[in-house]
Amino acid sequence: MGIQITPSMLAADFANLEAEAARIAGADWLHVDVMDNHFVPNLTIGVPVVEALAKVARQPIDAHLMIEDPDRWAPGYVEAGAQSVTFHVEAAQAPVRLAREIRAKGARASMALRPATPIEPYEDLLPELDMVLLMTVEPGFGGQAFLDVCVPKIRRTRELLDKHGGDIWLQVDGGISADTIDRCAEAGADVFVAGSAVFGADDPDAMVAQLRSSAEQHSHP
């Protein structure tokens, strides 16, 4: 698939999500952050908003579930129209079963890791996944600064994905901007979540194009 840019709707105007999606026509996906005030200290949106956005947006929905008990709740996001659903491995009781259920319902299954969670213990799970999401900030709030400490983990994760073959995307989320995307692309990421950098720009769609171009120039061989 090459480089993909998935702007985070967490940084958009929640009162005008349909209009905000239209401002980023060049985006590959809409990244929707679902937070439950338990797994992370913030409460955002849930199934009804995802369902409403999926009906009006031209881009597919990439739902990132920062919630407890994703085993119970994640399948409902596929039913709501999300075409990719990401659960946090720290919160999942049975990640293989959950990934298979998400895929069986027709969406891409993705596993997210917080900055301090190593990828190595989950190597055997990789064939069950369509994407791995490495958080490059502590999940919970937008607008945080990128954590450089995560770059070696991106590189190690890319090496594991290459070793296993298959087409598993590697997504990064947190502090991604024109200043940080190059490092992530060089380390092997190919799907980039950017919130404040996109929606804080004068022309969000032009920023999507700029981020894509920068990542393509620095992408992992």
C-alpha atoms as a PDB file:
ATOM      1  CA  MET A   1       0.000   0.000   0.000  1.00  0.00           C
ATOM      2  CA  GLY A   2       2.921   2.373   0.486  1.00  0.00           C
ATOM      3  CA  ILE A   3       2.672   5.408   2.756  1.00  0.00           C
ATOM      4  CA  GLN A   4      -0.724   6.229   4.269  1.00  0.00           C
ATOM      5  CA  ILE A   5      -1.799   9.287   6.259  1.00  0.00           C
ATOM      6  CA  THR A   6      -4.611   8.841   8.787  1.00  0.00           C
ATOM      7  CA  PRO A   7      -5.509  12.171  10.437  1.00  0.00           C
ATOM      8  CA  SER A   8      -6.770  11.933  13.997  1.00  0.00           C
ATOM      9  CA  MET A   9     -10.288  13.276  14.406  1.00  0.00           C
ATOM     10  CA  LEU A  10      -9.410  13.915  18.075  1.00  0.00           C
ATOM     11  CA  ALA A  11      -7.957  17.221  16.849  1.00  0.00           C
ATOM     12  CA  ALA A  12     -10.973  18.057  14.675  1.00  0.00           C
ATOM     13  CA  ASP A  13     -14.027  20.135  15.562  1.00  0.00           C
ATOM     14  CA  PHE A  14     -16.352  17.582  17.182  1.00  0.00           C
ATOM     15  CA  ALA A  15     -19.376  19.732  16.329  1.00  0.00           C
ATOM     16  CA  ASN A  16     -18.605  19.471  12.596  1.00  0.00           C
ATOM     17  CA  LEU A  17     -17.064  16.066  11.971  1.00  0.00           C
ATOM     18  CA  GLU A  18     -18.550  15.657   8.489  1.00  0.00           C
ATOM     19  CA  ALA A  19     -17.177  19.037   7.403  1.00  0.00           C
ATOM     20  CA  GLU A  20     -13.829  18.294   9.043  1.00  0.00           C
ATOM     21  CA  ALA A  21     -13.549  15.003   7.129  1.00  0.00           C
ATOM     22  CA  ALA A  22     -14.203  16.929   3.912  1.00  0.00           C
ATOM     23  CA  ARG A  23     -11.283  19.271   4.720  1.00  0.00           C
ATOM     24  CA  ILE A  24      -8.879  16.315   4.500  1.00  0.00           C
ATOM     25  CA  ALA A  25     -10.056  14.760   1.236  1.00  0.00           C
ATOM     26  CA  GLY A  26      -6.548  13.474   0.535  1.00  0.00           C
ATOM     27  CA  ALA A  27      -6.386  11.396   3.719  1.00  0.00           C
ATOM     28  CA  ASP A  28      -6.328   7.599   3.368  1.00  0.00           C
ATOM     29  CA  TRP A  29      -8.325   6.937   6.539  1.00  0.00           C
ATOM     30  CA  LEU A  30      -9.986   8.841   9.362  1.00  0.00           C
ATOM     31  CA  HIS A  31      -8.380   7.846  12.664  1.00  0.00           C
ATOM     32  CA  VAL A  32     -11.018   7.905  15.399  1.00  0.00           C
ATOM     33  CA  ASP A  33      -9.808   7.808  19.007  1.00  0.00           C
ATOM     34  CA  VAL A  34     -12.219   6.025  21.343  1.00  0.00           C
ATOM     35  CA  MET A  35     -11.384   6.583  25.025  1.00  0.00           C
ATOM     36  CA  ASP A  36     -13.335   5.311  28.022  1.00  0.00           C
ATOM     37  CA  ASN A  37     -11.897   7.243  30.995  1.00  0.00           C
ATOM     38  CA  HIS A  38     -10.638   3.921  32.407  1.00  0.00           C
ATOM     39  CA  PHE A  39      -7.849   2.594  30.170  1.00  0.00           C
ATOM     40  CA  VAL A  40      -6.826   6.215  29.572  1.00  0.00           C
ATOM     41  CA  PRO A  41      -7.707   9.322  31.618  1.00  0.00           C
ATOM     42  CA  ASN A  42      -9.980  10.868  29.011  1.00  0.00           C
ATOM     43  CA  LEU A  43     -13.463  10.301  27.616  1.00  0.00           C
ATOM     44  CA  THR A  44     -14.071  10.923  23.921  1.00  0.00           C
ATOM     45  CA  ILE A  45     -16.562   9.218  21.616  1.00  0.00           C
ATOM     46  CA  GLY A  46     -18.061   5.805  21.096  1.00  0.00           C
ATOM     47  CA  VAL A  47     -20.105   3.652  18.762  1.00  0.00           C
ATOM     48  CA  PRO A  48     -22.873   6.173  17.867  1.00  0.00           C
ATOM     49  CA  VAL A  49     -20.418   8.803  16.624  1.00  0.00           C
ATOM     50  CA  VAL A  50     -18.360   6.249  14.698  1.00  0.00           C
ATOM     51  CA  GLU A  51     -21.550   4.988  13.086  1.00  0.00           C
ATOM     52  CA  ALA A  52     -22.650   8.517  12.149  1.00  0.00           C
ATOM     53  CA  LEU A  53     -19.236   9.448  10.748  1.00  0.00           C
ATOM     54  CA  ALA A  54     -18.943   6.209   8.761  1.00  0.00           C
ATOM     55  CA  LYS A  55     -22.186   7.073   6.968  1.00  0.00           C
ATOM     56  CA  VAL A  56     -21.050  10.503   5.775  1.00  0.00           C
ATOM     57  CA  ALA A  57     -17.260  10.287   5.360  1.00  0.00           C
ATOM     58  CA  ARG A  58     -15.671   9.391   2.046  1.00  0.00           C
ATOM     59  CA  GLN A  59     -12.630   7.924   3.822  1.00  0.00           C
ATOM     60  CA  PRO A  60     -12.776   4.603   5.681  1.00  0.00           C
ATOM     61  CA  ILE A  61     -12.751   4.685   9.486  1.00  0.00           C
ATOM     62  CA  ASP A  62      -9.708   3.545  11.458  1.00  0.00           C
ATOM     63  CA  ALA A  63     -11.033   3.109  15.024  1.00  0.00           C
ATOM     64  CA  HIS A  64      -8.408   3.125  17.774  1.00  0.00           C
ATOM     65  CA  LEU A  65      -9.946   1.713  20.952  1.00  0.00           C
ATOM     66  CA  MET A  66      -8.180   2.995  24.061  1.00  0.00           C
ATOM     67  CA  ILE A  67     -10.638   1.156  26.274  1.00  0.00           C
ATOM     68  CA  GLU A  68     -10.829  -1.601  28.831  1.00  0.00           C
ATOM     69  CA  ASP A  69     -12.462  -4.888  27.832  1.00  0.00           C
ATOM     70  CA  PRO A  70     -11.992  -4.543  24.040  1.00  0.00           C
ATOM     71  CA  ASP A  71     -12.830  -8.267  23.812  1.00  0.00           C
ATOM     72  CA  ARG A  72     -16.407  -7.283  24.572  1.00  0.00           C
ATOM     73  CA  TRP A  73     -16.665  -3.934  22.765  1.00  0.00           C
ATOM     74  CA  ALA A  74     -14.421  -4.033  19.684  1.00  0.00           C
ATOM     75  CA  PRO A  75     -16.713  -6.128  17.442  1.00  0.00           C
ATOM     76  CA  GLY A  76     -19.411  -3.477  17.808  1.00  0.00           C
ATOM     77  CA  TYR A  77     -17.157  -0.947  16.086  1.00  0.00           C
ATOM     78  CA  VAL A  78     -16.958  -3.172  13.007  1.00  0.00           C
ATOM     79  CA  GLU A  79     -20.747  -3.334  13.018  1.00  0.00           C
ATOM     80  CA  ALA A  80     -20.803   0.478  13.326  1.00  0.00           C
ATOM     81  CA  GLY A  81     -18.863   0.747  10.060  1.00  0.00           C
ATOM     82  CA  ALA A  82     -15.182   0.935  11.038  1.00  0.00           C
ATOM     83  CA  GLN A  83     -13.043  -0.802   8.427  1.00  0.00           C
ATOM     84  CA  SER A  84     -10.028  -1.113  10.725  1.00  0.00           C
ATOM     85  CA  VAL A  85     -10.307  -1.700  14.461  1.00  0.00           C
ATOM     86  CA  THR A  86      -7.342  -1.402  16.813  1.00  0.00           C
ATOM     87  CA  PHE A  87      -7.372  -2.846  20.326  1.00  0.00           C
ATOM     88  CA  HIS A  88      -4.683  -2.353  22.976  1.00  0.00           C
ATOM     89  CA  VAL A  89      -2.896  -5.579  23.770  1.00  0.00           C
ATOM     90  CA  GLU A  90      -2.487  -4.401  27.382  1.00  0.00           C
ATOM     91  CA  ALA A  91      -6.289  -4.421  27.735  1.00  0.00           C
ATOM     92  CA  ALA A  92      -7.209  -7.510  25.710  1.00  0.00           C
ATOM     93  CA  GLN A  93      -7.839 -10.787  27.535  1.00  0.00           C
ATOM     94  CA  ALA A  94      -7.682 -12.970  24.417  1.00  0.00           C
ATOM     95  CA  PRO A  95      -5.996 -10.995  21.619  1.00  0.00           C
ATOM     96  CA  VAL A  96      -5.866 -13.819  19.076  1.00  0.00           C
ATOM     97  CA  ARG A  97      -9.545 -14.603  19.486  1.00  0.00           C
ATOM     98  CA  LEU A  98     -10.385 -10.894  19.299  1.00  0.00           C
ATOM     99  CA  ALA A  99      -8.303 -10.317  16.149  1.00  0.00           C
ATOM    100  CA  ARG A 100      -9.999 -13.280  14.497  1.00  0.00           C
ATOM    101  CA  GLU A 101     -13.434 -11.981  15.466  1.00  0.00           C
ATOM    102  CA  ILE A 102     -12.684  -8.520  14.041  1.00  0.00           C
ATOM    103  CA  ARG A 103     -11.469 -10.076  10.791  1.00  0.00           C
ATOM    104  CA  ALA A 104     -14.428 -12.466  10.620  1.00  0.00           C
ATOM    105  CA  LYS A 105     -16.781  -9.486  10.800  1.00  0.00           C
ATOM    106  CA  GLY A 106     -15.009  -7.955   7.805  1.00  0.00           C
ATOM    107  CA  ALA A 107     -12.586  -5.364   9.198  1.00  0.00           C
ATOM    108  CA  ARG A 108      -8.807  -5.164   9.459  1.00  0.00           C
ATOM    109  CA  ALA A 109      -7.539  -6.226  12.884  1.00  0.00           C
ATOM    110  CA  SER A 110      -4.884  -4.107  14.541  1.00  0.00           C
ATOM    111  CA  MET A 111      -2.996  -4.373  17.839  1.00  0.00           C
ATOM    112  CA  ALA A 112      -1.749  -1.263  19.674  1.00  0.00           C
ATOM    113  CA  LEU A 113       1.113  -1.000  22.147  1.00  0.00           C
ATOM    114  CA  ARG A 114       1.767   1.772  24.641  1.00  0.00           C
ATOM    115  CA  PRO A 115       5.292   3.289  24.554  1.00  0.00           C
ATOM    116  CA  ALA A 116       6.648   1.063  27.347  1.00  0.00           C
ATOM    117  CA  THR A 117       5.106  -2.183  26.028  1.00  0.00           C
ATOM    118  CA  PRO A 118       7.688  -4.238  24.093  1.00  0.00           C
ATOM    119  CA  ILE A 119       6.774  -5.837  20.773  1.00  0.00           C
ATOM    120  CA  GLU A 120       8.868  -8.994  21.227  1.00  0.00           C
ATOM    121  CA  PRO A 121       6.473 -10.967  23.494  1.00  0.00           C
ATOM    122  CA  TYR A 122       3.772 -10.639  20.815  1.00  0.00           C
ATOM    123  CA  GLU A 123       5.774 -11.851  17.834  1.00  0.00           C
ATOM    124  CA  ASP A 124       3.702 -15.028  17.554  1.00  0.00           C
ATOM    125  CA  LEU A 125       0.520 -12.943  17.210  1.00  0.00           C
ATOM    126  CA  LEU A 126       1.686 -11.072  14.119  1.00  0.00           C
ATOM    127  CA  PRO A 127       0.170 -13.453  11.531  1.00  0.00           C
ATOM    128  CA  GLU A 128      -3.250 -12.802  13.134  1.00  0.00           C
ATOM    129  CA  LEU A 129      -2.985  -9.059  12.479  1.00  0.00           C
ATOM    130  CA  ASP A 130      -3.340  -6.616   9.609  1.00  0.00           C
ATOM    131  CA  MET A 131      -1.610  -3.749  11.425  1.00  0.00           C
ATOM    132  CA  VAL A 132       0.478  -2.975  14.492  1.00  0.00           C
ATOM    133  CA  LEU A 133       0.089   0.467  16.091  1.00  0.00           C
ATOM    134  CA  LEU A 134       2.999   1.786  18.136  1.00  0.00           C
ATOM    135  CA  MET A 135       2.030   4.706  20.352  1.00  0.00           C
ATOM    136  CA  THR A 136       4.710   7.399  20.279  1.00  0.00           C
ATOM    137  CA  VAL A 137       3.109   9.244  23.221  1.00  0.00           C
ATOM    138  CA  GLU A 138       1.250   7.919  26.259  1.00  0.00           C
ATOM    139  CA  PRO A 139      -2.324   7.485  25.015  1.00  0.00           C
ATOM    140  CA  GLY A 140      -5.049   9.702  26.395  1.00  0.00           C
ATOM    141  CA  PHE A 141      -4.585  13.197  25.035  1.00  0.00           C
ATOM    142  CA  GLY A 142      -3.790  14.879  21.733  1.00  0.00           C
ATOM    143  CA  GLY A 143      -1.125  17.511  21.270  1.00  0.00           C
ATOM    144  CA  GLN A 144       1.655  15.691  23.142  1.00  0.00           C
ATOM    145  CA  ALA A 145       5.330  15.772  22.142  1.00  0.00           C
ATOM    146  CA  PHE A 146       6.760  12.812  20.225  1.00  0.00           C
ATOM    147  CA  LEU A 147       8.778  10.364  22.362  1.00  0.00           C
ATOM    148  CA  ASP A 148      12.143   9.718  20.679  1.00  0.00           C
ATOM    149  CA  VAL A 149      12.584   6.643  22.865  1.00  0.00           C
ATOM    150  CA  CYS A 150      10.048   4.884  20.620  1.00  0.00           C
ATOM    151  CA  VAL A 151      12.138   5.076  17.426  1.00  0.00           C
ATOM    152  CA  PRO A 152      14.234   1.942  18.134  1.00  0.00           C
ATOM    153  CA  LYS A 153      10.996   0.042  18.840  1.00  0.00           C
ATOM    154  CA  ILE A 154       9.645   1.077  15.438  1.00  0.00           C
ATOM    155  CA  ARG A 155      12.820  -0.323  13.870  1.00  0.00           C
ATOM    156  CA  ARG A 156      12.621  -3.589  15.821  1.00  0.00           C
ATOM    157  CA  THR A 157       8.942  -3.995  14.962  1.00  0.00           C
ATOM    158  CA  ARG A 158       9.649  -3.445  11.254  1.00  0.00           C
ATOM    159  CA  GLU A 159      12.347  -6.147  11.420  1.00  0.00           C
ATOM    160  CA  LEU A 160       9.853  -8.600  12.948  1.00  0.00           C
ATOM    161  CA  LEU A 161       7.204  -7.756  10.346  1.00  0.00           C
ATOM    162  CA  ASP A 162       9.702  -8.220   7.511  1.00  0.00           C
ATOM    163  CA  LYS A 163      10.811 -11.525   9.013  1.00  0.00           C
ATOM    164  CA  HIS A 164       7.254 -12.849   9.071  1.00  0.00           C
ATOM    165  CA  GLY A 165       6.343 -11.562   5.620  1.00  0.00           C
ATOM    166  CA  GLY A 166       2.775 -10.814   4.675  1.00  0.00           C
ATOM    167  CA  ASP A 167       1.355  -7.321   4.359  1.00  0.00           C
ATOM    168  CA  ILE A 168       1.115  -6.071   7.938  1.00  0.00           C
ATOM    169  CA  TRP A 169       1.027  -2.284   8.189  1.00  0.00           C
ATOM    170  CA  LEU A 170       3.025  -0.459  10.853  1.00  0.00           C
ATOM    171  CA  GLN A 171       1.220   2.589  12.231  1.00  0.00           C
ATOM    172  CA  VAL A 172       2.608   5.268  14.548  1.00  0.00           C
ATOM    173  CA  ASP A 173       0.472   7.663  16.571  1.00  0.00           C
ATOM    174  CA  GLY A 174       1.499  10.545  18.826  1.00  0.00           C
ATOM    175  CA  GLY A 175       3.310  13.788  18.115  1.00  0.00           C
ATOM    176  CA  ILE A 176       3.579  12.996  14.391  1.00  0.00           C
ATOM    177  CA  SER A 177       4.315  16.171  12.424  1.00  0.00           C
ATOM    178  CA  ALA A 178       6.527  17.506   9.642  1.00  0.00           C
ATOM    179  CA  ASP A 179       9.313  17.543  12.245  1.00  0.00           C
ATOM    180  CA  THR A 180       9.016  13.918  13.361  1.00  0.00           C
ATOM    181  CA  ILE A 181       7.557  11.909  10.463  1.00  0.00           C
ATOM    182  CA  ASP A 182      10.913  11.444   8.708  1.00  0.00           C
ATOM    183  CA  ARG A 183      12.433   9.555  11.666  1.00  0.00           C
ATOM    184  CA  CYS A 184       9.426   7.252  11.854  1.00  0.00           C
ATOM    185  CA  ALA A 185       9.444   6.531   8.129  1.00  0.00           C
ATOM    186  CA  GLU A 186      13.173   5.802   8.158  1.00  0.00           C
ATOM    187  CA  ALA A 187      12.622   3.382  11.059  1.00  0.00           C
ATOM    188  CA  GLY A 188       9.980   1.496   9.069  1.00  0.00           C
ATOM    189  CA  ALA A 189       6.537   2.936   9.829  1.00  0.00           C
ATOM    190  CA  ASP A 190       4.207   3.240   6.842  1.00  0.00           C
ATOM    191  CA  VAL A 191       0.903   4.468   8.335  1.00  0.00           C
ATOM    192  CA  PHE A 192       0.965   7.789  10.166  1.00  0.00           C
ATOM    193  CA  VAL A 193      -1.609   9.274  12.527  1.00  0.00           C
ATOM    194  CA  ALA A 194      -1.375  13.067  12.793  1.00  0.00           C
ATOM    195  CA  GLY A 195      -3.881  15.148  14.719  1.00  0.00           C
ATOM    196  CA  SER A 196      -2.804  18.621  15.782  1.00  0.00           C
ATOM    197  CA  ALA A 197      -0.304  18.858  12.895  1.00  0.00           C
ATOM    198  CA  VAL A 198      -3.108  18.395  10.360  1.00  0.00           C
ATOM    199  CA  PHE A 199      -6.080  20.164  11.906  1.00  0.00           C
ATOM    200  CA  GLY A 200      -3.917  22.954  13.320  1.00  0.00           C
ATOM    201  CA  ALA A 201      -2.615  23.778   9.835  1.00  0.00           C
ATOM    202  CA  ASP A 202      -4.059  26.610   7.739  1.00  0.00           C
ATOM    203  CA  ASP A 203      -4.763  24.061   4.995  1.00  0.00           C
ATOM    204  CA  PRO A 204      -5.232  20.599   6.541  1.00  0.00           C
ATOM    205  CA  ASP A 205      -5.351  18.804   3.181  1.00  0.00           C
ATOM    206  CA  ALA A 206      -2.103  20.436   2.061  1.00  0.00           C
ATOM    207  CA  MET A 207      -0.525  19.256   5.313  1.00  0.00           C
ATOM    208  CA  VAL A 208      -1.704  15.696   4.590  1.00  0.00           C
ATOM    209  CA  ALA A 209       0.054  15.936   1.210  1.00  0.00           C
ATOM    210  CA  GLN A 210       3.192  17.400   2.794  1.00  0.00           C
ATOM    211  CA  LEU A 211       3.358  14.634   5.411  1.00  0.00           C
ATOM    212  CA  ARG A 212       2.857  11.975   2.740  1.00  0.00           C
ATOM    213  CA  SER A 213       5.604  13.420   0.546  1.00  0.00           C
ATOM    214  CA  SER A 214       8.031  13.682   3.447  1.00  0.00           C
ATOM    215  CA  ALA A 215       7.371  10.110   4.579  1.00  0.00           C
ATOM    216  CA  GLU A 216       7.736   8.788   1.035  1.00  0.00           C
ATOM    217  CA  GLN A 217      11.129  10.466   0.685  1.00  0.00           C
ATOM    218  CA  HIS A 218      12.372   8.889   3.898  1.00  0.00           C
ATOM    219  CA  SER A 219      10.568   5.563   3.766  1.00  0.00           C
ATOM    220  CA  HIS A 220      12.203   2.323   4.788  1.00  0.00           C
ATOM    221  CA  PRO A 221      13.696   0.549   1.712  1.00  0.00           C
END
